């Protein structure tokens, strides 16, 4: 691996890439519907399980649940702070 390739990768416009990804999926959902987006997500999950048959582990699930709980709590705090 060349150092210049790593530097070029690190210097990518990550915000632009994130915006393009968000635009793509928004257009995908409009054109194909939310159910199609869920099917794609499920295909990705199945692919990950083929590559790593033991995934997700109970620990992965626990960490995921904790992350969802933290996000939910943060969103509830934001919503509460915006109420009159």
PDB file of N, CA and C in Angstrom:
ATOM      1  N   UNK A   1       0.848  -1.172   0.000  1.00  0.00           N
ATOM      2  CA  UNK A   1       0.000   0.000   0.000  1.00  0.00           C
ATOM      3  C   UNK A   1       0.893   1.235   0.000  1.00  0.00           C
ATOM      4  N   UNK A   2       0.539   2.169  -0.844  1.00  0.00           N
ATOM      5  CA  UNK A   2       1.331   3.396  -0.940  1.00  0.00           C
ATOM      6  C   UNK A   2       0.846   4.425   0.083  1.00  0.00           C
ATOM      7  N   UNK A   3       1.787   5.129   0.650  1.00  0.00           N
ATOM      8  CA  UNK A   3       1.454   6.193   1.599  1.00  0.00           C
ATOM      9  C   UNK A   3       0.576   7.246   0.938  1.00  0.00           C
ATOM     10  N   UNK A   4       0.878   7.573  -0.320  1.00  0.00           N
ATOM     11  CA  UNK A   4       0.089   8.593  -1.022  1.00  0.00           C
ATOM     12  C   UNK A   4      -1.369   8.167  -1.173  1.00  0.00           C
ATOM     13  N   UNK A   5      -1.612   6.860  -1.358  1.00  0.00           N
ATOM     14  CA  UNK A   5      -2.989   6.372  -1.462  1.00  0.00           C
ATOM     15  C   UNK A   5      -3.727   6.522  -0.134  1.00  0.00           C
ATOM     16  N   UNK A   6      -3.033   6.236   0.946  1.00  0.00           N
ATOM     17  CA  UNK A   6      -3.642   6.367   2.273  1.00  0.00           C
ATOM     18  C   UNK A   6      -3.957   7.837   2.555  1.00  0.00           C
ATOM     19  N   UNK A   7      -3.037   8.713   2.226  1.00  0.00           N
ATOM     20  CA  UNK A   7      -3.249  10.145   2.441  1.00  0.00           C
ATOM     21  C   UNK A   7      -4.420  10.635   1.609  1.00  0.00           C
ATOM     22  N   UNK A   8      -4.476  10.216   0.332  1.00  0.00           N
ATOM     23  CA  UNK A   8      -5.570  10.639  -0.545  1.00  0.00           C
ATOM     24  C   UNK A   8      -6.914  10.140   0.005  1.00  0.00           C
ATOM     25  N   UNK A   9      -6.929   8.905   0.490  1.00  0.00           N
ATOM     26  CA  UNK A   9      -8.148   8.350   1.080  1.00  0.00           C
ATOM     27  C   UNK A   9      -8.574   9.162   2.303  1.00  0.00           C
ATOM     28  N   UNK A  10      -7.618   9.463   3.179  1.00  0.00           N
ATOM     29  CA  UNK A  10      -7.924  10.209   4.406  1.00  0.00           C
ATOM     30  C   UNK A  10      -8.404  11.624   4.118  1.00  0.00           C
ATOM     31  N   UNK A  11      -7.971  12.189   3.013  1.00  0.00           N
ATOM     32  CA  UNK A  11      -8.323  13.578   2.675  1.00  0.00           C
ATOM     33  C   UNK A  11      -9.577  13.693   1.824  1.00  0.00           C
ATOM     34  N   UNK A  12     -10.257  12.588   1.615  1.00  0.00           N
ATOM     35  CA  UNK A  12     -11.510  12.630   0.857  1.00  0.00           C
ATOM     36  C   UNK A  12     -12.469  13.622   1.488  1.00  0.00           C
ATOM     37  N   UNK A  13     -13.384  14.096   0.678  1.00  0.00           N
ATOM     38  CA  UNK A  13     -14.440  14.967   1.197  1.00  0.00           C
ATOM     39  C   UNK A  13     -15.517  14.074   1.802  1.00  0.00           C
ATOM     40  N   UNK A  14     -15.327  13.697   3.060  1.00  0.00           N
ATOM     41  CA  UNK A  14     -16.219  12.753   3.713  1.00  0.00           C
ATOM     42  C   UNK A  14     -17.632  13.313   3.854  1.00  0.00           C
ATOM     43  N   UNK A  15     -17.763  14.611   4.044  1.00  0.00           N
ATOM     44  CA  UNK A  15     -19.103  15.184   4.154  1.00  0.00           C
ATOM     45  C   UNK A  15     -19.839  15.068   2.828  1.00  0.00           C
ATOM     46  N   UNK A  16     -19.141  15.328   1.720  1.00  0.00           N
ATOM     47  CA  UNK A  16     -19.756  15.174   0.398  1.00  0.00           C
ATOM     48  C   UNK A  16     -20.207  13.732   0.192  1.00  0.00           C
ATOM     49  N   UNK A  17     -19.358  12.774   0.542  1.00  0.00           N
ATOM     50  CA  UNK A  17     -19.724  11.368   0.386  1.00  0.00           C
ATOM     51  C   UNK A  17     -20.944  11.020   1.239  1.00  0.00           C
ATOM     52  N   UNK A  18     -20.992  11.541   2.448  1.00  0.00           N
ATOM     53  CA  UNK A  18     -22.140  11.306   3.321  1.00  0.00           C
ATOM     54  C   UNK A  18     -23.410  11.909   2.723  1.00  0.00           C
ATOM     55  N   UNK A  19     -23.287  13.124   2.188  1.00  0.00           N
ATOM     56  CA  UNK A  19     -24.438  13.786   1.564  1.00  0.00           C
ATOM     57  C   UNK A  19     -24.924  13.014   0.339  1.00  0.00           C
ATOM     58  N   UNK A  20     -23.985  12.543  -0.479  1.00  0.00           N
ATOM     59  CA  UNK A  20     -24.355  11.775  -1.669  1.00  0.00           C
ATOM     60  C   UNK A  20     -25.058  10.474  -1.282  1.00  0.00           C
ATOM     61  N   UNK A  21     -24.570   9.835  -0.250  1.00  0.00           N
ATOM     62  CA  UNK A  21     -25.194   8.595   0.224  1.00  0.00           C
ATOM     63  C   UNK A  21     -26.614   8.869   0.714  1.00  0.00           C
ATOM     64  N   UNK A  22     -26.786   9.927   1.491  1.00  0.00           N
ATOM     65  CA  UNK A  22     -28.115  10.280   1.994  1.00  0.00           C
ATOM     66  C   UNK A  22     -29.058  10.599   0.837  1.00  0.00           C
ATOM     67  N   UNK A  23     -28.570  11.335  -0.145  1.00  0.00           N
ATOM     68  CA  UNK A  23     -29.395  11.664  -1.319  1.00  0.00           C
ATOM     69  C   UNK A  23     -29.792  10.411  -2.082  1.00  0.00           C
ATOM     70  N   UNK A  24     -28.840   9.481  -2.241  1.00  0.00           N
ATOM     71  CA  UNK A  24     -29.118   8.250  -2.968  1.00  0.00           C
ATOM     72  C   UNK A  24     -30.242   7.475  -2.290  1.00  0.00           C
ATOM     73  N   UNK A  25     -30.121   7.281  -0.964  1.00  0.00           N
ATOM     74  CA  UNK A  25     -31.111   6.470  -0.271  1.00  0.00           C
ATOM     75  C   UNK A  25     -32.462   7.174  -0.190  1.00  0.00           C
ATOM     76  N   UNK A  26     -32.461   8.486  -0.101  1.00  0.00           N
ATOM     77  CA  UNK A  26     -33.735   9.213  -0.109  1.00  0.00           C
ATOM     78  C   UNK A  26     -34.436   9.007  -1.456  1.00  0.00           C
ATOM     79  N   UNK A  27     -33.688   9.134  -2.549  1.00  0.00           N
ATOM     80  CA  UNK A  27     -34.261   8.926  -3.888  1.00  0.00           C
ATOM     81  C   UNK A  27     -34.687   7.471  -4.068  1.00  0.00           C
ATOM     82  N   UNK A  28     -33.895   6.545  -3.561  1.00  0.00           N
ATOM     83  CA  UNK A  28     -34.229   5.119  -3.656  1.00  0.00           C
ATOM     84  C   UNK A  28     -35.566   4.844  -2.989  1.00  0.00           C
ATOM     85  N   UNK A  29     -35.758   5.393  -1.780  1.00  0.00           N
ATOM     86  CA  UNK A  29     -37.009   5.163  -1.057  1.00  0.00           C
ATOM     87  C   UNK A  29     -38.198   5.783  -1.779  1.00  0.00           C
ATOM     88  N   UNK A  30     -37.996   6.962  -2.379  1.00  0.00           N
ATOM     89  CA  UNK A  30     -39.081   7.594  -3.130  1.00  0.00           C
ATOM     90  C   UNK A  30     -39.448   6.734  -4.339  1.00  0.00           C
ATOM     91  N   UNK A  31     -38.439   6.254  -5.047  1.00  0.00           N
ATOM     92  CA  UNK A  31     -38.689   5.482  -6.265  1.00  0.00           C
ATOM     93  C   UNK A  31     -39.188   4.066  -5.982  1.00  0.00           C
ATOM     94  N   UNK A  32     -38.630   3.411  -4.972  1.00  0.00           N
ATOM     95  CA  UNK A  32     -38.928   1.999  -4.743  1.00  0.00           C
ATOM     96  C   UNK A  32     -39.748   1.727  -3.484  1.00  0.00           C
ATOM     97  N   UNK A  33     -39.878   2.718  -2.623  1.00  0.00           N
ATOM     98  CA  UNK A  33     -40.627   2.539  -1.387  1.00  0.00           C
ATOM     99  C   UNK A  33     -39.743   2.090  -0.237  1.00  0.00           C
ATOM    100  N   UNK A  34     -40.240   2.326   0.954  1.00  0.00           N
ATOM    101  CA  UNK A  34     -39.479   1.988   2.162  1.00  0.00           C
ATOM    102  C   UNK A  34     -39.270   0.475   2.280  1.00  0.00           C
ATOM    103  N   UNK A  35     -40.236  -0.311   1.811  1.00  0.00           N
ATOM    104  CA  UNK A  35     -40.106  -1.770   1.905  1.00  0.00           C
ATOM    105  C   UNK A  35     -38.885  -2.259   1.127  1.00  0.00           C
ATOM    106  N   UNK A  36     -38.597  -1.643  -0.012  1.00  0.00           N
ATOM    107  CA  UNK A  36     -37.417  -2.034  -0.795  1.00  0.00           C
ATOM    108  C   UNK A  36     -36.139  -1.723  -0.023  1.00  0.00           C
ATOM    109  N   UNK A  37     -36.098  -0.593   0.646  1.00  0.00           N
ATOM    110  CA  UNK A  37     -34.924  -0.238   1.440  1.00  0.00           C
ATOM    111  C   UNK A  37     -34.727  -1.240   2.581  1.00  0.00           C
ATOM    112  N   UNK A  38     -35.827  -1.688   3.169  1.00  0.00           N
ATOM    113  CA  UNK A  38     -35.738  -2.691   4.244  1.00  0.00           C
ATOM    114  C   UNK A  38     -35.228  -4.013   3.671  1.00  0.00           C
ATOM    115  N   UNK A  39     -35.692  -4.380   2.464  1.00  0.00           N
ATOM    116  CA  UNK A  39     -35.200  -5.612   1.836  1.00  0.00           C
ATOM    117  C   UNK A  39     -33.692  -5.538   1.582  1.00  0.00           C
ATOM    118  N   UNK A  40     -33.218  -4.391   1.111  1.00  0.00           N
ATOM    119  CA  UNK A  40     -31.781  -4.226   0.879  1.00  0.00           C
ATOM    120  C   UNK A  40     -31.026  -4.377   2.196  1.00  0.00           C
ATOM    121  N   UNK A  41     -31.532  -3.767   3.250  1.00  0.00           N
ATOM    122  CA  UNK A  41     -30.895  -3.886   4.567  1.00  0.00           C
ATOM    123  C   UNK A  41     -30.838  -5.338   5.009  1.00  0.00           C
ATOM    124  N   UNK A  42     -31.912  -6.074   4.774  1.00  0.00           N
ATOM    125  CA  UNK A  42     -31.937  -7.476   5.167  1.00  0.00           C
ATOM    126  C   UNK A  42     -30.952  -8.295   4.338  1.00  0.00           C
ATOM    127  N   UNK A  43     -30.811  -7.976   3.058  1.00  0.00           N
ATOM    128  CA  UNK A  43     -29.823  -8.659   2.225  1.00  0.00           C
ATOM    129  C   UNK A  43     -28.402  -8.414   2.748  1.00  0.00           C
ATOM    130  N   UNK A  44     -28.133  -7.186   3.179  1.00  0.00           N
ATOM    131  CA  UNK A  44     -26.824  -6.881   3.754  1.00  0.00           C
ATOM    132  C   UNK A  44     -26.589  -7.661   5.048  1.00  0.00           C
ATOM    133  N   UNK A  45     -27.639  -7.770   5.859  1.00  0.00           N
ATOM    134  CA  UNK A  45     -27.535  -8.534   7.108  1.00  0.00           C
ATOM    135  C   UNK A  45     -27.229  -9.996   6.800  1.00  0.00           C
ATOM    136  N   UNK A  46     -27.939 -10.559   5.825  1.00  0.00           N
ATOM    137  CA  UNK A  46     -27.701 -11.963   5.465  1.00  0.00           C
ATOM    138  C   UNK A  46     -26.291 -12.169   4.917  1.00  0.00           C
ATOM    139  N   UNK A  47     -25.828 -11.217   4.134  1.00  0.00           N
ATOM    140  CA  UNK A  47     -24.464 -11.315   3.601  1.00  0.00           C
ATOM    141  C   UNK A  47     -23.450 -11.304   4.749  1.00  0.00           C
ATOM    142  N   UNK A  48     -23.645 -10.412   5.703  1.00  0.00           N
ATOM    143  CA  UNK A  48     -22.736 -10.350   6.860  1.00  0.00           C
ATOM    144  C   UNK A  48     -22.757 -11.667   7.619  1.00  0.00           C
ATOM    145  N   UNK A  49     -23.932 -12.275   7.746  1.00  0.00           N
ATOM    146  CA  UNK A  49     -24.015 -13.549   8.459  1.00  0.00           C
ATOM    147  C   UNK A  49     -23.328 -14.671   7.692  1.00  0.00           C
ATOM    148  N   UNK A  50     -23.345 -14.606   6.365  1.00  0.00           N
ATOM    149  CA  UNK A  50     -22.621 -15.607   5.574  1.00  0.00           C
ATOM    150  C   UNK A  50     -21.117 -15.471   5.779  1.00  0.00           C
ATOM    151  N   UNK A  51     -20.646 -14.235   5.880  1.00  0.00           N
ATOM    152  CA  UNK A  51     -19.219 -13.991   6.072  1.00  0.00           C
ATOM    153  C   UNK A  51     -18.776 -14.311   7.499  1.00  0.00           C
ATOM    154  N   UNK A  52     -19.675 -14.085   8.453  1.00  0.00           N
ATOM    155  CA  UNK A  52     -19.390 -14.293   9.881  1.00  0.00           C
ATOM    156  C   UNK A  52     -20.586 -15.026  10.498  1.00  0.00           C
ATOM    157  N   UNK A  53     -20.634 -16.346  10.365  1.00  0.00           N
ATOM    158  CA  UNK A  53     -21.808 -17.108  10.794  1.00  0.00           C
ATOM    159  C   UNK A  53     -22.242 -16.889  12.246  1.00  0.00           C
ATOM    160  N   UNK A  54     -21.347 -16.550  13.127  1.00  0.00           N
ATOM    161  CA  UNK A  54     -21.712 -16.339  14.520  1.00  0.00           C
ATOM    162  C   UNK A  54     -22.231 -14.943  14.830  1.00  0.00           C
ATOM    163  N   UNK A  55     -22.315 -14.108  13.817  1.00  0.00           N
ATOM    164  CA  UNK A  55     -22.737 -12.718  14.005  1.00  0.00           C
ATOM    165  C   UNK A  55     -24.234 -12.608  13.863  1.00  0.00           C
ATOM    166  N   UNK A  56     -24.913 -11.818  14.623  1.00  0.00           N
ATOM    167  CA  UNK A  56     -24.383 -11.085  15.769  1.00  0.00           C
ATOM    168  C   UNK A  56     -24.351 -11.969  17.016  1.00  0.00           C
ATOM    169  N   UNK A  57     -23.347 -11.733  17.822  1.00  0.00           N
ATOM    170  CA  UNK A  57     -23.257 -12.465  19.083  1.00  0.00           C
ATOM    171  C   UNK A  57     -24.203 -11.827  20.103  1.00  0.00           C
ATOM    172  N   UNK A  58     -24.391 -12.501  21.215  1.00  0.00           N
ATOM    173  CA  UNK A  58     -25.213 -11.916  22.285  1.00  0.00           C
ATOM    174  C   UNK A  58     -24.606 -10.596  22.759  1.00  0.00           C
ATOM    175  N   UNK A  59     -23.270 -10.545  22.798  1.00  0.00           N
ATOM    176  CA  UNK A  59     -22.602  -9.292  23.202  1.00  0.00           C
ATOM    177  C   UNK A  59     -22.862  -8.197  22.171  1.00  0.00           C
ATOM    178  N   UNK A  60     -22.797  -8.526  20.877  1.00  0.00           N
ATOM    179  CA  UNK A  60     -23.115  -7.548  19.825  1.00  0.00           C
ATOM    180  C   UNK A  60     -24.530  -7.004  20.014  1.00  0.00           C
ATOM    181  N   UNK A  61     -25.464  -7.908  20.278  1.00  0.00           N
ATOM    182  CA  UNK A  61     -26.868  -7.512  20.461  1.00  0.00           C
ATOM    183  C   UNK A  61     -27.025  -6.619  21.696  1.00  0.00           C
ATOM    184  N   UNK A  62     -26.319  -6.975  22.770  1.00  0.00           N
ATOM    185  CA  UNK A  62     -26.394  -6.164  23.993  1.00  0.00           C
ATOM    186  C   UNK A  62     -25.865  -4.762  23.737  1.00  0.00           C
ATOM    187  N   UNK A  63     -24.706  -4.673  23.074  1.00  0.00           N
ATOM    188  CA  UNK A  63     -24.127  -3.367  22.763  1.00  0.00           C
ATOM    189  C   UNK A  63     -25.034  -2.562  21.838  1.00  0.00           C
ATOM    190  N   UNK A  64     -25.647  -3.241  20.875  1.00  0.00           N
ATOM    191  CA  UNK A  64     -26.551  -2.564  19.953  1.00  0.00           C
ATOM    192  C   UNK A  64     -27.764  -2.002  20.689  1.00  0.00           C
ATOM    193  N   UNK A  65     -28.323  -2.809  21.578  1.00  0.00           N
ATOM    194  CA  UNK A  65     -29.465  -2.356  22.361  1.00  0.00           C
ATOM    195  C   UNK A  65     -29.088  -1.158  23.230  1.00  0.00           C
ATOM    196  N   UNK A  66     -27.919  -1.208  23.844  1.00  0.00           N
ATOM    197  CA  UNK A  66     -27.458  -0.083  24.662  1.00  0.00           C
ATOM    198  C   UNK A  66     -27.295   1.180  23.816  1.00  0.00           C
ATOM    199  N   UNK A  67     -26.754   1.025  22.616  1.00  0.00           N
ATOM    200  CA  UNK A  67     -26.576   2.184  21.726  1.00  0.00           C
ATOM    201  C   UNK A  67     -27.932   2.775  21.342  1.00  0.00           C
ATOM    202  N   UNK A  68     -28.903   1.901  21.039  1.00  0.00           N
ATOM    203  CA  UNK A  68     -30.245   2.392  20.697  1.00  0.00           C
ATOM    204  C   UNK A  68     -30.873   3.115  21.881  1.00  0.00           C
ATOM    205  N   UNK A  69     -30.664   2.585  23.075  1.00  0.00           N
ATOM    206  CA  UNK A  69     -31.217   3.229  24.274  1.00  0.00           C
ATOM    207  C   UNK A  69     -30.589   4.602  24.486  1.00  0.00           C
ATOM    208  N   UNK A  70     -29.261   4.716  24.262  1.00  0.00           N
ATOM    209  CA  UNK A  70     -28.601   6.024  24.412  1.00  0.00           C
ATOM    210  C   UNK A  70     -29.135   7.027  23.380  1.00  0.00           C
ATOM    211  N   UNK A  71     -29.292   6.587  22.136  1.00  0.00           N
ATOM    212  CA  UNK A  71     -29.808   7.480  21.088  1.00  0.00           C
ATOM    213  C   UNK A  71     -31.235   7.895  21.418  1.00  0.00           C
ATOM    214  N   UNK A  72     -32.045   6.943  21.841  1.00  0.00           N
ATOM    215  CA  UNK A  72     -33.428   7.248  22.199  1.00  0.00           C
ATOM    216  C   UNK A  72     -33.497   8.270  23.328  1.00  0.00           C
ATOM    217  N   UNK A  73     -32.680   8.066  24.351  1.00  0.00           N
ATOM    218  CA  UNK A  73     -32.666   8.998  25.484  1.00  0.00           C
ATOM    219  C   UNK A  73     -32.214  10.386  25.040  1.00  0.00           C
ATOM    220  N   UNK A  74     -31.208  10.446  24.170  1.00  0.00           N
ATOM    221  CA  UNK A  74     -30.725  11.741  23.675  1.00  0.00           C
ATOM    222  C   UNK A  74     -31.809  12.442  22.863  1.00  0.00           C
ATOM    223  N   UNK A  75     -32.506  11.698  22.021  1.00  0.00           N
ATOM    224  CA  UNK A  75     -33.576  12.299  21.220  1.00  0.00           C
ATOM    225  C   UNK A  75     -34.716  12.781  22.104  1.00  0.00           C
ATOM    226  N   UNK A  76     -35.020  12.036  23.153  1.00  0.00           N
ATOM    227  CA  UNK A  76     -36.069  12.462  24.082  1.00  0.00           C
ATOM    228  C   UNK A  76     -35.666  13.741  24.806  1.00  0.00           C
ATOM    229  N   UNK A  77     -34.392  13.854  25.174  1.00  0.00           N
ATOM    230  CA  UNK A  77     -33.915  15.086  25.835  1.00  0.00           C
ATOM    231  C   UNK A  77     -34.020  16.280  24.882  1.00  0.00           C
ATOM    232  N   UNK A  78     -33.645  16.072  23.632  1.00  0.00           N
ATOM    233  CA  UNK A  78     -33.746  17.161  22.646  1.00  0.00           C
ATOM    234  C   UNK A  78     -35.207  17.562  22.478  1.00  0.00           C
ATOM    235  N   UNK A  79     -36.088  16.594  22.323  1.00  0.00           N
ATOM    236  CA  UNK A  79     -37.500  16.898  22.148  1.00  0.00           C
ATOM    237  C   UNK A  79     -38.059  17.655  23.358  1.00  0.00           C
ATOM    238  N   UNK A  80     -37.661  17.206  24.551  1.00  0.00           N
ATOM    239  CA  UNK A  80     -38.142  17.868  25.766  1.00  0.00           C
ATOM    240  C   UNK A  80     -37.628  19.298  25.865  1.00  0.00           C
ATOM    241  N   UNK A  81     -36.416  19.531  25.413  1.00  0.00           N
ATOM    242  CA  UNK A  81     -35.849  20.887  25.494  1.00  0.00           C
ATOM    243  C   UNK A  81     -36.485  21.834  24.499  1.00  0.00           C
ATOM    244  N   UNK A  82     -37.176  21.308  23.512  1.00  0.00           N
ATOM    245  CA  UNK A  82     -37.819  22.154  22.484  1.00  0.00           C
ATOM    246  C   UNK A  82     -39.282  22.403  22.764  1.00  0.00           C
ATOM    247  N   UNK A  83     -39.803  21.751  23.782  1.00  0.00           N
ATOM    248  CA  UNK A  83     -41.215  21.974  24.133  1.00  0.00           C
ATOM    249  C   UNK A  83     -41.340  23.321  24.858  1.00  0.00           C
ATOM    250  N   UNK A  84     -42.437  24.002  24.587  1.00  0.00           N
ATOM    251  CA  UNK A  84     -42.637  25.303  25.276  1.00  0.00           C
ATOM    252  C   UNK A  84     -42.890  25.146  26.752  1.00  0.00           C
TER     253      UNK A  84
END
